[in-house]
Amino acid sequence: MTSEQKSELIRQVDAALDEVRPHLKVDGGDVEVVDVTEDFVVKVKWLGNCENCFMSIMTMKAGIEQAIKNRLPQMTQVEAINGIEMP
């Protein structure tokens, strides 16, 4: 993937996250797109209160990943680079 293609994918992922951002911001949190890999894995970073919230695991699966895959079905996975680790 070219750097232009990667930049466009990151922009599209970021736009998809706009669906869930209002819910995160209510609790003082947010999420930032860090990378999209060659294997279409989205890397995100939790911000604010989301960084150490035990609900971030559920938010990742039920909110973040779903919002991204609804708009960009080619994305294979979403991973947080920080925050609470999934078991």
Protein backbone atom coordinates (compact mmCIF):
# COMPACT_ATOMS: atom_id res chain seq x y z
CA MET A 1 0.00 0.00 0.00
CA THR A 2 1.32 3.43 -0.86
CA SER A 3 1.63 6.19 1.71
CA GLU A 4 -1.24 8.00 -0.02
CA GLN A 5 -3.46 4.92 0.23
CA LYS A 6 -2.53 4.49 3.89
CA SER A 7 -3.30 8.15 4.62
CA GLU A 8 -6.68 7.81 2.93
CA LEU A 9 -7.51 4.66 4.91
CA ILE A 10 -6.54 6.37 8.16
CA ARG A 11 -8.78 9.31 7.20
CA GLN A 12 -11.68 6.94 6.50
CA VAL A 13 -11.16 5.06 9.77
CA ASP A 14 -11.04 8.36 11.64
CA ALA A 15 -14.32 9.40 9.99
CA ALA A 16 -15.92 6.08 11.00
CA LEU A 17 -14.85 6.72 14.59
CA ASP A 18 -16.79 9.98 14.57
CA GLU A 19 -19.87 7.79 15.17
CA VAL A 20 -18.61 6.66 18.58
CA ARG A 21 -16.61 9.70 19.67
CA PRO A 22 -19.57 11.52 21.26
CA HIS A 23 -20.15 8.52 23.54
CA LEU A 24 -16.48 8.45 24.54
CA LYS A 25 -16.32 12.18 25.15
CA VAL A 26 -19.28 12.06 27.54
CA ASP A 27 -17.03 10.06 29.86
CA GLY A 28 -13.96 12.23 29.24
CA GLY A 29 -12.30 9.95 26.72
CA ASP A 30 -11.48 9.67 23.05
CA VAL A 31 -9.62 7.46 20.59
CA GLU A 32 -6.95 8.25 18.02
CA VAL A 33 -6.04 6.29 14.88
CA VAL A 34 -2.33 5.50 15.00
CA ASP A 35 -1.84 3.20 12.02
CA VAL A 36 -3.38 0.87 9.45
CA THR A 37 -1.07 -2.04 8.64
CA GLU A 38 -0.54 -3.82 5.32
CA ASP A 39 -2.79 -6.59 6.71
CA PHE A 40 -5.58 -4.04 7.32
CA VAL A 41 -5.19 -4.07 11.09
CA VAL A 42 -6.22 -0.76 12.62
CA LYS A 43 -4.09 0.44 15.54
CA VAL A 44 -5.74 2.93 17.88
CA LYS A 45 -4.71 4.76 21.02
CA TRP A 46 -7.11 5.37 23.89
CA LEU A 47 -7.10 8.95 25.17
CA GLY A 48 -8.29 10.54 28.41
CA ASN A 49 -10.44 8.45 30.72
CA CYS A 50 -10.68 5.64 28.14
CA GLU A 51 -7.01 4.81 28.62
CA ASN A 52 -7.52 3.08 31.97
CA CYS A 53 -11.23 2.25 31.83
CA PHE A 54 -12.19 -1.39 32.35
CA MET A 55 -15.06 -0.87 29.88
CA SER A 56 -12.60 -0.07 27.07
CA ILE A 57 -12.46 -3.74 26.10
CA MET A 58 -16.21 -3.86 25.55
CA THR A 59 -16.15 -0.44 23.87
CA MET A 60 -13.49 -1.74 21.48
CA LYS A 61 -15.58 -4.71 20.32
CA ALA A 62 -19.11 -3.30 20.48
CA GLY A 63 -18.38 0.26 19.40
CA ILE A 64 -15.02 0.97 17.81
CA GLU A 65 -14.51 -2.23 15.82
CA GLN A 66 -18.13 -2.36 14.69
CA ALA A 67 -18.13 1.27 13.51
CA ILE A 68 -14.94 0.73 11.54
CA LYS A 69 -15.97 -2.60 9.97
CA ASN A 70 -19.40 -1.24 9.03
CA ARG A 71 -17.75 1.42 6.87
CA LEU A 72 -14.56 -0.43 5.95
CA PRO A 73 -15.23 -4.19 5.83
CA GLN A 74 -11.72 -4.86 4.52
CA MET A 75 -10.32 -4.05 7.97
CA THR A 76 -9.47 -7.35 9.62
CA GLN A 77 -8.91 -6.30 13.22
CA VAL A 78 -8.73 -3.33 15.57
CA GLU A 79 -6.09 -3.22 18.31
CA ALA A 80 -5.36 -0.71 21.04
CA ILE A 81 -1.71 0.14 21.55
CA ASN A 82 -2.37 1.22 25.14
CA GLY A 83 -4.94 0.83 27.90
CA ILE A 84 -6.17 -2.30 29.58
CA GLU A 85 -5.12 -5.53 27.86
CA MET A 86 -7.66 -8.03 26.62
CA PRO A 87 -7.49 -11.40 28.42
